[in-house]
Amino acid sequence: MRSRDLAAKLPSTGRRLSFQWKIAAAITFVIAVASITLSTVMHQTFSHNQEDAARAAADRNLQLVLQDETGSMRALFRATTDGLDVPEELRQAVAGGKRATYLVDSGDQPFVWAAADVNTQVVAIRVPYTAQRESIASVDRTLRNATIAVIAAGAVLGVLLGLAMSYRLRSAARAARKVSTGANIRVRSVTWSLFDDEITELADAVDAMSDALRGQLDAEKRVTANIAHDLRTPISGLVGAAELLPPGRPTELVRDGVHKLRRLAEDVIEVARLDTTSEHADIQSVELAPVVHHAISTTGVECEVRVHGTPVSYTDARRLERIIANLILNARNHGKPPINVDVDHSRITVRDRGSGFTEEWLRQGPKRFQTDCVERGPNSGLGLGLTIVVGQAAVIGARINFSNHPNGGAVVTIDLPECPPDEFA
């Protein structure tokens, strides 16, 4: 009695960030960096162009003033010769007969100065820079709004791309889980894409691995089944020969060993049949109490049976007896008495008082040729009994659940259909 439902969920990975949001964050980050960088470059380029144009205009006006002999240009551009308002940096720049411009972009009224040293006298004019500053501010607002819009659009695009990739990966993961339970499904078929990419390559690799493992497993099953079939004839001969031996303790030991060998061969053959899709259940309305009592009587194991009312279910009585008998024998071999069998409506529960199931075995489920008997070691036993239980339960449409009782012991629950099914595999 060592397992639980085969459709066990994979262990949780704990706190994690979805791949979808990782993709969205990465795309948004790249677009944000590119947009901000481009906006900064455009701002710097436009600002420099505005400044260069203003400096050039101021320098042209200064040249007109210097070339004017009538003084009209000096009055027009309000040229100054006292140098009192000229910035100190500009006076130093024009010293020695040079000509230069200087931008004062602070305060409410920015100006571009142009000055020249004429006979040790500084001649200077200034041109308002307010229009250029407003143009730069307007361009900055446009760039800021455009950057925000591009980043928002990039975030939406990142979410959509991440969602598409995440959906394909999750679909592949669901398909892989179905494959692990024995379903015949291709992972590539659920990872749709117009073009091959890394996800389709991964799906192809999973499909190839699944095909290889399935082929290897099928080959092992065929070999095991063939060996069991080939052993039936010599085992039958051994059984007949053992019956002809004279009475005595050695004869009893030989007969017991031969009978165990015959049961093993029969179990292997039954497992091989259950591995195929040719098994079909004979579903009928069955009163459960007689089936349970008959199954217990075939094992020769003393059990405490409790039946609630007159439970009836739609099932295959012969296969159900096989399931119950295997569970009781497993409880006797690997658990401890008393063994309780409880029948309530369409649920049958078998419990022993042994050490219960190991956590590792509960995660993995039943394995042929292996038991989880702690006393005999993790790799001891043949493990065919519970494999047959799970296989027969699948044929009759029953659900098998394996767990441990809070007060100790292993518990196996069989949930049978309460209404006639349309079809059984």
Protein backbone atom coordinates (compact mmCIF):
# COMPACT_ATOMS: atom_id res chain seq x y z
CA MET A 1 0.00 0.00 0.00
CA ARG A 2 2.55 2.59 -1.10
CA SER A 3 1.52 5.41 -3.53
CA ARG A 4 -0.87 8.17 -4.34
CA ASP A 5 -2.62 9.50 -7.42
CA LEU A 6 -0.47 9.37 -10.54
CA ALA A 7 -1.51 12.86 -11.58
CA ALA A 8 0.67 14.47 -8.93
CA LYS A 9 1.50 18.10 -9.36
CA LEU A 10 5.05 19.29 -9.76
CA PRO A 11 6.60 20.90 -6.67
CA SER A 12 6.19 24.65 -6.29
CA THR A 13 9.18 26.81 -7.18
CA GLY A 14 8.31 29.43 -4.57
CA ARG A 15 8.46 33.16 -5.20
CA ARG A 16 9.37 33.98 -8.77
CA LEU A 17 9.02 36.66 -11.41
CA SER A 18 7.03 35.56 -14.42
CA PHE A 19 8.95 35.23 -17.69
CA GLN A 20 6.30 37.43 -19.27
CA TRP A 21 7.15 40.34 -16.99
CA LYS A 22 10.87 39.78 -17.39
CA ILE A 23 10.50 40.14 -21.17
CA ALA A 24 8.25 43.19 -20.76
CA ALA A 25 10.67 44.83 -18.31
CA ALA A 26 13.66 44.16 -20.57
CA ILE A 27 11.96 45.58 -23.67
CA THR A 28 10.67 48.60 -21.76
CA PHE A 29 14.11 49.26 -20.29
CA VAL A 30 15.82 49.12 -23.68
CA ILE A 31 13.21 51.37 -25.30
CA ALA A 32 13.38 53.81 -22.37
CA VAL A 33 17.17 54.04 -22.53
CA ALA A 34 17.10 54.50 -26.30
CA SER A 35 14.31 57.11 -26.14
CA ILE A 36 15.95 59.12 -23.37
CA THR A 37 19.32 58.99 -25.12
CA LEU A 38 17.79 60.11 -28.42
CA SER A 39 15.84 62.91 -26.72
CA THR A 40 18.99 64.11 -24.97
CA VAL A 41 20.95 64.15 -28.22
CA MET A 42 18.15 66.02 -30.00
CA HIS A 43 17.93 68.54 -27.15
CA GLN A 44 21.67 69.16 -27.22
CA THR A 45 21.74 69.46 -31.01
CA PHE A 46 18.81 71.88 -31.15
CA SER A 47 20.18 73.98 -28.27
CA HIS A 48 23.60 74.24 -29.90
CA ASN A 49 22.02 75.19 -33.24
CA GLN A 50 19.94 77.90 -31.57
CA GLU A 51 22.96 79.23 -29.69
CA ASP A 52 25.20 79.16 -32.76
CA ALA A 53 22.57 80.99 -34.81
CA ALA A 54 22.13 83.64 -32.12
CA ARG A 55 25.89 84.13 -31.77
CA ALA A 56 26.27 84.43 -35.55
CA ALA A 57 23.46 87.01 -35.73
CA ALA A 58 24.99 89.04 -32.90
CA ASP A 59 28.42 88.92 -34.56
CA ARG A 60 26.97 90.12 -37.89
CA ASN A 61 25.25 93.02 -36.16
CA LEU A 62 28.51 93.92 -34.41
CA GLN A 63 30.33 93.99 -37.73
CA LEU A 64 27.68 96.36 -39.12
CA VAL A 65 28.25 98.63 -36.14
CA LEU A 66 32.02 98.58 -36.59
CA GLN A 67 31.75 99.33 -40.32
CA ASP A 68 29.20 102.15 -39.87
CA GLU A 69 30.75 105.61 -40.05
CA THR A 70 27.53 107.56 -39.60
CA GLY A 71 26.63 106.09 -36.22
CA SER A 72 23.16 105.01 -37.27
CA MET A 73 23.91 101.34 -36.75
CA ARG A 74 25.40 102.04 -33.35
CA ALA A 75 22.15 103.72 -32.34
CA LEU A 76 20.05 100.97 -33.94
CA PHE A 77 21.75 98.15 -32.05
CA ARG A 78 22.34 100.24 -28.92
CA ALA A 79 26.03 99.64 -28.97
CA THR A 80 27.97 100.54 -25.87
CA THR A 81 31.55 101.70 -25.62
CA ASP A 82 31.96 102.17 -21.90
CA GLY A 83 32.04 98.41 -21.24
CA LEU A 84 30.32 98.77 -17.87
CA ASP A 85 27.64 96.13 -18.59
CA VAL A 86 29.87 93.86 -20.65
CA PRO A 87 30.52 90.52 -18.85
CA GLU A 88 34.06 90.22 -17.52
CA GLU A 89 34.62 86.96 -19.42
CA LEU A 90 33.79 88.72 -22.70
CA ARG A 91 36.13 91.65 -21.99
CA GLN A 92 38.96 89.24 -21.35
CA ALA A 93 38.13 87.31 -24.54
CA VAL A 94 38.35 90.41 -26.80
CA ALA A 95 41.50 91.85 -25.24
CA GLY A 96 44.20 92.52 -27.80
CA GLY A 97 41.95 93.52 -30.71
CA LYS A 98 39.85 90.37 -30.89
CA ARG A 99 36.13 89.88 -31.54
CA ALA A 100 33.97 87.39 -29.58
CA THR A 101 30.44 86.48 -28.50
CA TYR A 102 29.12 85.44 -25.11
CA LEU A 103 25.77 83.91 -24.01
CA VAL A 104 24.17 84.99 -20.75
CA ASP A 105 21.38 82.41 -20.31
CA SER A 106 20.44 83.19 -16.73
CA GLY A 107 17.66 85.28 -15.29
CA ASP A 108 14.40 86.25 -16.92
CA GLN A 109 16.00 88.07 -19.89
CA PRO A 110 18.82 86.12 -21.54
CA PHE A 111 21.11 87.86 -24.04
CA VAL A 112 23.83 87.07 -26.54
CA TRP A 113 26.66 89.60 -26.36
CA ALA A 114 29.01 90.44 -29.20
CA ALA A 115 32.07 92.63 -28.56
CA ALA A 116 35.31 93.77 -30.16
CA ASP A 117 38.41 95.63 -28.93
CA VAL A 118 38.87 98.72 -31.13
CA ASN A 119 41.88 100.84 -30.21
CA THR A 120 41.76 99.60 -26.58
CA GLN A 121 38.06 100.50 -26.47
CA VAL A 122 35.48 97.71 -26.09
CA VAL A 123 32.54 98.08 -28.47
CA ALA A 124 29.68 95.72 -27.55
CA ILE A 125 26.07 94.98 -28.44
CA ARG A 126 23.60 92.47 -27.10
CA VAL A 127 20.77 90.56 -28.78
CA PRO A 128 17.81 89.09 -26.83
CA TYR A 129 17.89 85.29 -26.50
CA THR A 130 14.33 84.93 -25.17
CA ALA A 131 12.82 83.56 -28.40
CA GLN A 132 15.50 80.90 -28.66
CA ARG A 133 15.02 79.87 -25.04
CA GLU A 134 11.27 79.53 -25.59
CA SER A 135 11.89 77.47 -28.73
CA ILE A 136 14.22 75.17 -26.81
CA ALA A 137 11.65 74.82 -24.01
CA SER A 138 8.94 74.00 -26.56
CA VAL A 139 11.11 71.36 -28.20
CA ASP A 140 11.94 69.91 -24.77
CA ARG A 141 8.24 69.57 -23.95
CA THR A 142 7.63 67.85 -27.27
CA LEU A 143 10.56 65.50 -26.73
CA ARG A 144 9.42 64.72 -23.19
CA ASN A 145 5.88 63.89 -24.27
CA ALA A 146 7.16 61.84 -27.20
CA THR A 147 9.56 59.96 -24.92
CA ILE A 148 6.78 59.15 -22.46
CA ALA A 149 4.53 57.98 -25.30
CA VAL A 150 7.29 55.82 -26.82
CA ILE A 151 8.13 54.25 -23.44
CA ALA A 152 4.44 53.54 -22.78
CA ALA A 153 4.03 52.00 -26.23
CA GLY A 154 7.20 49.99 -25.66
CA ALA A 155 5.86 48.74 -22.34
CA VAL A 156 2.63 47.62 -24.00
CA LEU A 157 4.59 45.97 -26.80
CA GLY A 158 6.84 44.26 -24.24
CA VAL A 159 3.84 42.95 -22.32
CA LEU A 160 2.25 41.61 -25.51
CA LEU A 161 5.46 39.95 -26.69
CA GLY A 162 6.11 38.57 -23.21
CA LEU A 163 2.54 37.30 -23.03
CA ALA A 164 2.90 35.53 -26.37
CA MET A 165 6.18 33.88 -25.39
CA SER A 166 4.92 33.04 -21.91
CA TYR A 167 1.76 31.48 -23.36
CA ARG A 168 3.80 29.29 -25.69
CA LEU A 169 6.14 28.21 -22.89
CA ARG A 170 3.27 27.49 -20.51
CA SER A 171 1.50 25.52 -23.24
CA ALA A 172 4.69 23.53 -23.77
CA ALA A 173 5.00 22.94 -20.02
CA ARG A 174 1.38 21.72 -19.78
CA ALA A 175 1.94 19.40 -22.73
CA ALA A 176 5.15 18.08 -21.17
CA ARG A 177 3.29 17.35 -17.92
CA LYS A 178 0.65 15.44 -19.87
CA VAL A 179 3.39 13.48 -21.60
CA SER A 180 4.84 12.62 -18.18
CA THR A 181 1.50 11.05 -17.23
CA GLY A 182 1.49 8.89 -20.36
CA ALA A 183 -0.53 11.08 -22.73
CA ASN A 184 0.38 10.79 -26.41
CA ILE A 185 0.78 14.46 -27.29
CA ARG A 186 3.40 16.43 -29.22
CA VAL A 187 4.82 19.46 -27.44
CA ARG A 188 5.65 21.05 -30.82
CA SER A 189 1.95 21.07 -31.72
CA VAL A 190 1.10 23.52 -28.92
CA THR A 191 4.04 25.90 -29.45
CA TRP A 192 2.65 27.49 -32.61
CA SER A 193 4.86 29.91 -34.49
CA LEU A 194 5.15 31.26 -38.03
CA PHE A 195 8.90 30.78 -37.87
CA ASP A 196 11.13 28.39 -35.99
CA ASP A 197 12.74 29.86 -32.89
CA GLU A 198 14.30 28.74 -29.63
CA ILE A 199 10.92 27.69 -28.20
CA THR A 200 10.12 25.42 -31.13
CA GLU A 201 13.65 24.04 -30.92
CA LEU A 202 13.08 23.27 -27.24
CA ALA A 203 9.73 21.63 -28.07
CA ASP A 204 11.38 19.47 -30.74
CA ALA A 205 14.04 18.41 -28.23
CA VAL A 206 11.39 17.48 -25.64
CA ASP A 207 9.45 15.49 -28.25
CA ALA A 208 12.59 13.68 -29.35
CA MET A 209 13.47 12.85 -25.75
CA SER A 210 9.91 11.69 -25.09
CA ASP A 211 9.95 9.44 -28.17
CA ALA A 212 13.27 7.93 -27.16
CA LEU A 213 12.15 7.28 -23.59
CA ARG A 214 8.79 5.90 -24.71
CA GLY A 215 10.49 3.58 -27.17
CA GLN A 216 12.93 2.37 -24.54
CA LEU A 217 10.14 1.84 -22.01
CA ASP A 218 7.97 -0.01 -24.53
CA ALA A 219 10.90 -2.25 -25.41
CA GLU A 220 11.49 -3.05 -21.74
CA LYS A 221 7.78 -3.79 -21.25
CA ARG A 222 7.75 -6.13 -24.25
CA VAL A 223 10.82 -7.97 -23.02
CA THR A 224 9.35 -8.37 -19.54
CA ALA A 225 6.01 -9.56 -20.89
CA ASN A 226 7.66 -12.00 -23.30
CA ILE A 227 9.79 -13.45 -20.53
CA ALA A 228 6.72 -13.87 -18.33
CA HIS A 229 4.82 -15.60 -21.15
CA ASP A 230 7.74 -17.89 -21.89
CA LEU A 231 7.98 -18.83 -18.21
CA ARG A 232 4.35 -19.92 -17.92
CA THR A 233 4.90 -23.34 -19.45
CA PRO A 234 7.97 -24.33 -17.39
CA ILE A 235 6.36 -22.88 -14.26
CA SER A 236 3.23 -24.96 -14.88
CA GLY A 237 5.50 -27.98 -15.18
CA LEU A 238 7.17 -27.08 -11.88
CA VAL A 239 3.79 -26.78 -10.19
CA GLY A 240 2.79 -30.22 -11.42
CA ALA A 241 6.11 -31.72 -10.40
CA ALA A 242 5.90 -30.12 -6.95
CA GLU A 243 2.52 -31.73 -6.37
CA LEU A 244 4.08 -35.17 -6.98
CA LEU A 245 6.75 -34.72 -4.32
CA PRO A 246 6.37 -36.73 -1.11
CA PRO A 247 4.93 -34.88 1.89
CA GLY A 248 7.40 -33.08 4.13
CA ARG A 249 8.88 -29.74 5.07
CA PRO A 250 11.21 -29.53 2.04
CA THR A 251 8.26 -30.23 -0.24
CA GLU A 252 6.26 -27.41 1.37
CA LEU A 253 9.13 -24.99 0.80
CA VAL A 254 9.43 -26.02 -2.85
CA ARG A 255 5.68 -25.72 -3.42
CA ASP A 256 5.59 -22.31 -1.73
CA GLY A 257 8.45 -21.03 -3.91
CA VAL A 258 6.86 -22.40 -7.08
CA HIS A 259 3.51 -20.78 -6.25
CA LYS A 260 5.23 -17.43 -5.62
CA LEU A 261 7.02 -17.73 -8.94
CA ARG A 262 3.73 -18.47 -10.71
CA ARG A 263 2.03 -15.46 -9.07
CA LEU A 264 4.94 -13.27 -10.12
CA ALA A 265 4.65 -14.38 -13.74
CA GLU A 266 0.88 -13.81 -13.69
CA ASP A 267 1.36 -10.33 -12.19
CA VAL A 268 3.91 -9.39 -14.84
CA ILE A 269 1.56 -10.57 -17.60
CA GLU A 270 -1.30 -8.57 -16.05
CA VAL A 271 0.83 -5.43 -15.88
CA ALA A 272 1.77 -5.92 -19.53
CA ARG A 273 -1.92 -6.16 -20.48
CA LEU A 274 -2.74 -3.01 -18.51
CA ASP A 275 -0.01 -1.14 -20.35
CA THR A 276 -1.92 -1.64 -23.59
CA THR A 277 -5.20 -0.01 -24.61
CA SER A 278 -6.98 -3.32 -25.20
CA GLU A 279 -8.36 -3.69 -21.66
CA HIS A 280 -12.06 -2.88 -21.28
CA ALA A 281 -14.21 -3.02 -18.16
CA ASP A 282 -17.53 -4.87 -17.82
CA ILE A 283 -19.43 -2.08 -16.08
CA GLN A 284 -22.56 -3.06 -14.16
CA SER A 285 -24.48 -1.91 -11.13
CA VAL A 286 -22.68 -3.68 -8.28
CA GLU A 287 -23.48 -3.94 -4.57
CA LEU A 288 -20.14 -3.22 -2.94
CA ALA A 289 -20.43 -5.13 0.36
CA PRO A 290 -20.38 -8.66 -1.17
CA VAL A 291 -17.53 -7.68 -3.49
CA VAL A 292 -15.45 -6.41 -0.57
CA HIS A 293 -16.12 -9.50 1.58
CA HIS A 294 -15.29 -11.86 -1.28
CA ALA A 295 -12.06 -10.01 -2.07
CA ILE A 296 -11.00 -10.25 1.59
CA SER A 297 -11.82 -13.95 1.73
CA THR A 298 -9.55 -14.67 -1.25
CA THR A 299 -6.57 -13.18 0.58
CA GLY A 300 -7.01 -15.09 3.84
CA VAL A 301 -6.14 -11.90 5.74
CA GLU A 302 -8.13 -10.93 8.83
CA CYS A 303 -9.62 -7.46 8.39
CA GLU A 304 -12.03 -5.24 10.28
CA VAL A 305 -14.80 -4.37 7.82
CA ARG A 306 -17.35 -1.60 8.27
CA VAL A 307 -20.10 -1.04 5.69
CA HIS A 308 -22.39 1.99 5.84
CA GLY A 309 -25.83 1.15 4.51
CA THR A 310 -26.11 -0.71 1.21
CA PRO A 311 -23.60 1.01 -1.07
CA VAL A 312 -23.96 0.47 -4.82
CA SER A 313 -21.68 1.62 -7.62
CA TYR A 314 -21.23 1.16 -11.36
CA THR A 315 -18.04 -0.82 -11.78
CA ASP A 316 -16.43 -4.07 -12.84
CA ALA A 317 -16.76 -6.44 -9.87
CA ARG A 318 -13.91 -8.73 -10.93
CA ARG A 319 -11.43 -5.90 -11.39
CA LEU A 320 -12.57 -4.21 -8.17
CA GLU A 321 -11.97 -7.45 -6.26
CA ARG A 322 -8.48 -7.56 -7.73
CA ILE A 323 -7.80 -4.00 -6.54
CA ILE A 324 -9.07 -4.63 -3.00
CA ALA A 325 -7.21 -7.93 -2.69
CA ASN A 326 -3.93 -6.36 -3.79
CA LEU A 327 -4.35 -3.51 -1.31
CA ILE A 328 -5.03 -5.90 1.56
CA LEU A 329 -2.08 -8.13 0.67
CA ASN A 330 0.14 -5.07 0.42
CA ALA A 331 -1.08 -3.90 3.83
CA ARG A 332 -0.31 -7.31 5.30
CA ASN A 333 3.14 -7.55 3.72
CA HIS A 334 4.31 -3.99 4.36
CA GLY A 335 2.07 -2.69 7.14
CA LYS A 336 0.87 -3.90 10.52
CA PRO A 337 -2.50 -5.10 11.79
CA PRO A 338 -5.25 -4.30 12.37
CA ILE A 339 -6.28 -3.69 8.78
CA ASN A 340 -9.49 -1.69 8.40
CA VAL A 341 -11.74 -1.71 5.34
CA ASP A 342 -14.43 0.98 5.32
CA VAL A 343 -17.19 1.14 2.67
CA ASP A 344 -19.21 4.37 2.53
CA HIS A 345 -21.38 5.09 -0.50
CA SER A 346 -19.02 4.79 -3.50
CA ARG A 347 -15.82 5.13 -1.48
CA ILE A 348 -13.73 2.23 -0.19
CA THR A 349 -10.92 2.95 2.29
CA VAL A 350 -8.19 0.52 3.31
CA ARG A 351 -5.92 1.38 6.25
CA ASP A 352 -3.15 -0.43 8.08
CA ARG A 353 -1.11 0.45 11.19
CA GLY A 354 2.36 0.28 9.66
CA SER A 355 4.94 2.99 9.08
CA GLY A 356 2.94 4.55 6.25
CA PHE A 357 4.18 5.91 2.95
CA THR A 358 7.53 7.62 2.54
CA GLU A 359 7.44 11.20 1.28
CA GLU A 360 9.67 10.37 -1.67
CA TRP A 361 7.42 7.53 -2.77
CA LEU A 362 4.30 9.68 -2.40
CA ARG A 363 5.85 12.21 -4.76
CA GLN A 364 6.88 9.62 -7.36
CA GLY A 365 3.98 7.19 -7.24
CA PRO A 366 4.11 3.40 -7.65
CA LYS A 367 6.95 1.83 -9.62
CA ARG A 368 7.02 -1.72 -10.88
CA PHE A 369 9.66 -3.93 -9.28
CA GLN A 370 10.07 -1.49 -6.40
CA THR A 371 8.34 -0.93 -3.06
CA ASP A 372 8.76 1.69 -0.37
CA CYS A 373 8.98 -0.75 2.51
CA VAL A 374 11.35 1.00 4.93
CA GLU A 375 12.09 -2.12 6.91
CA ARG A 376 13.29 -4.00 3.80
CA GLY A 377 15.10 -1.05 2.19
CA PRO A 378 13.97 1.42 -0.46
CA ASN A 379 14.79 -0.88 -3.38
CA SER A 380 13.37 -4.11 -2.02
CA GLY A 381 10.28 -5.95 -3.18
CA LEU A 382 8.68 -6.31 -6.58
CA GLY A 383 6.16 -3.47 -6.40
CA LEU A 384 3.74 -5.03 -8.90
CA GLY A 385 0.74 -5.05 -6.58
CA LEU A 386 0.21 -1.31 -6.47
CA THR A 387 1.08 -0.97 -10.15
CA ILE A 388 -1.78 -3.37 -10.88
CA VAL A 389 -4.04 -1.43 -8.50
CA VAL A 390 -3.45 1.84 -10.35
CA GLY A 391 -3.80 0.18 -13.76
CA GLN A 392 -7.05 -1.62 -12.92
CA ALA A 393 -8.46 1.56 -11.35
CA ALA A 394 -7.82 3.43 -14.58
CA VAL A 395 -9.69 0.73 -16.53
CA ILE A 396 -12.82 0.91 -14.33
CA GLY A 397 -12.71 4.71 -14.02
CA ALA A 398 -11.92 4.80 -10.30
CA ARG A 399 -9.72 7.35 -8.55
CA ILE A 400 -7.00 6.07 -6.23
CA ASN A 401 -5.58 8.31 -3.50
CA PHE A 402 -2.67 7.31 -1.27
CA SER A 403 -1.93 9.12 2.00
CA ASN A 404 -0.82 8.67 5.60
CA HIS A 405 -3.18 8.66 8.57
CA PRO A 406 -2.49 11.33 11.22
CA ASN A 407 -2.30 8.59 13.86
CA GLY A 408 0.00 6.42 11.77
CA GLY A 409 -0.43 3.89 9.01
CA ALA A 410 -1.01 3.98 5.29
CA VAL A 411 -4.43 4.88 3.86
CA VAL A 412 -5.68 4.08 0.36
CA THR A 413 -8.99 5.49 -0.86
CA ILE A 414 -10.89 4.13 -3.87
CA ASP A 415 -13.53 6.50 -5.30
CA LEU A 416 -15.88 4.64 -7.64
CA PRO A 417 -18.31 6.16 -10.15
CA GLU A 418 -21.81 6.73 -8.75
CA CYS A 419 -23.49 6.83 -12.16
CA PRO A 420 -22.99 4.72 -15.31
CA PRO A 421 -20.20 6.19 -17.44
CA ASP A 422 -20.59 6.69 -21.15
CA GLU A 423 -17.26 5.11 -21.98
CA PHE A 424 -14.28 3.54 -20.28
CA ALA A 425 -10.83 3.31 -21.72
